[in-house]
Protein backbone atom coordinates (compact mmCIF):
# COMPACT_ATOMS: atom_id res chain seq x y z
CA MET A 1 -31.83 12.53 -46.72
CA PRO A 2 -29.95 15.86 -46.42
CA GLU A 3 -29.02 14.95 -42.83
CA LEU A 4 -27.41 11.73 -44.05
CA LEU A 5 -25.38 13.63 -46.63
CA GLU A 6 -24.28 16.11 -43.97
CA SER A 7 -23.23 13.20 -41.73
CA ILE A 8 -21.26 11.64 -44.56
CA ASP A 9 -19.57 14.98 -45.26
CA ALA A 10 -18.70 15.34 -41.57
CA ILE A 11 -17.24 11.83 -41.52
CA SER A 12 -15.22 12.60 -44.63
CA ALA A 13 -13.86 15.71 -42.93
CA LEU A 14 -12.56 13.52 -40.10
CA GLY A 15 -10.40 11.56 -42.48
CA GLY A 16 -12.71 9.02 -43.95
CA ILE A 17 -13.35 5.64 -42.38
CA GLY A 18 -9.96 5.73 -40.62
CA GLY A 19 -10.93 8.94 -38.89
CA VAL A 20 -14.25 7.47 -37.81
CA LEU A 21 -12.51 4.37 -36.44
CA ALA A 22 -10.02 6.55 -34.60
CA LEU A 23 -12.87 8.58 -33.13
CA VAL A 24 -14.69 5.43 -31.98
CA VAL A 25 -11.50 4.02 -30.44
CA PHE A 26 -10.81 7.32 -28.72
CA TYR A 27 -14.37 7.46 -27.38
CA TYR A 28 -14.23 3.97 -25.85
CA ALA A 29 -10.69 4.41 -24.55
CA ARG A 30 -11.68 7.66 -22.87
CA ASN A 31 -14.78 6.09 -21.31
CA ASP A 32 -12.63 3.20 -20.05
CA ALA A 33 -10.09 5.60 -18.56
CA LEU A 34 -12.83 7.59 -16.82
CA GLN A 35 -14.43 4.42 -15.45
CA HIS A 36 -11.04 3.26 -14.17
CA LYS A 37 -10.49 6.65 -12.51
CA ARG A 38 -13.92 6.47 -10.80
CA GLU A 39 -13.23 2.94 -9.54
CA TRP A 40 -9.89 3.96 -8.05
CA LYS A 41 -11.49 6.99 -6.41
CA VAL A 42 -14.05 4.72 -4.71
CA ILE A 43 -11.31 2.33 -3.58
CA ALA A 44 -9.15 5.20 -2.30
CA GLU A 45 -12.08 6.60 -0.31
CA ARG A 46 -12.80 3.17 1.14
CA TYR A 47 -9.23 2.78 2.40
CA ASP A 48 -8.66 6.42 3.34
CA GLY A 49 -8.61 5.82 7.10
CA HIS A 50 -6.40 2.77 6.86
CA ALA A 51 -3.19 4.78 6.61
CA GLU A 52 -3.83 6.41 9.99
CA THR A 53 -4.69 3.03 11.50
CA LEU A 54 -1.48 1.51 10.14
CA VAL A 55 0.59 4.38 11.55
CA THR A 56 -1.00 3.82 14.95
CA ILE A 57 -0.27 0.09 14.76
CA VAL A 58 3.36 0.76 13.83
CA GLN A 59 3.73 3.20 16.72
CA ASP A 60 2.23 0.72 19.17
CA SER A 61 4.43 -2.05 17.82
CA THR A 62 7.51 0.14 18.15
CA ALA A 63 6.67 0.86 21.78
CA ALA A 64 6.13 -2.85 22.44
CA ILE A 65 9.42 -3.76 20.75
CA THR A 66 11.23 -1.15 22.85
CA ALA A 67 9.71 -2.56 26.04
CA ASN A 68 10.60 -6.11 24.98
CA THR A 69 14.17 -5.03 24.22
CA GLU A 70 14.53 -3.55 27.68
CA THR A 71 13.11 -6.73 29.24
CA ALA A 72 15.53 -8.85 27.19
CA ARG A 73 18.47 -6.70 28.33
CA ALA A 74 17.36 -7.07 31.95
CA LEU A 75 17.14 -10.85 31.51
CA VAL A 76 20.62 -10.97 29.99
CA THR A 77 21.99 -8.96 32.91
CA ALA A 78 20.20 -11.17 35.44
CA THR A 79 21.49 -14.31 33.72
CA GLN A 80 25.05 -12.98 33.76
CA GLU A 81 24.78 -12.15 37.46
CA LEU A 82 23.34 -15.59 38.19
CA ARG A 83 26.23 -17.21 36.32
CA GLN A 84 28.72 -15.22 38.34
CA GLU A 85 27.01 -16.30 41.58
CA VAL A 86 26.99 -19.96 40.49
CA THR A 87 30.66 -19.74 39.53
CA ALA A 88 31.49 -18.15 42.89
CA LEU A 89 29.53 -20.87 44.75
CA ARG A 90 31.34 -23.59 42.82
CA LYS A 91 34.68 -22.10 43.77
CA VAL A 92 33.62 -21.95 47.41
CA ASN A 93 32.44 -25.57 47.34
CA GLY A 94 35.62 -26.73 45.63
CA ARG A 95 34.33 -27.66 42.23
């Protein structure tokens, strides 16, 4: 029975029932925050190598886009030259 009275006195020191409720809310909120932090740590560890992979993919894509741009420029130049040749042939043939 003395332990119960000591517990009641301790609760009273916290601010009565409001203090106890605040303590319970704080306890569960803190546990929830810690659980959330642990979950995000696991997720971050799982996807840790993905950033490097994405950088590699972007670099490869950039190289491919550069090569495709050069090919497109060469095709435009070849098309322009072909047009000039066709125009010259038409003039020669009287069209």
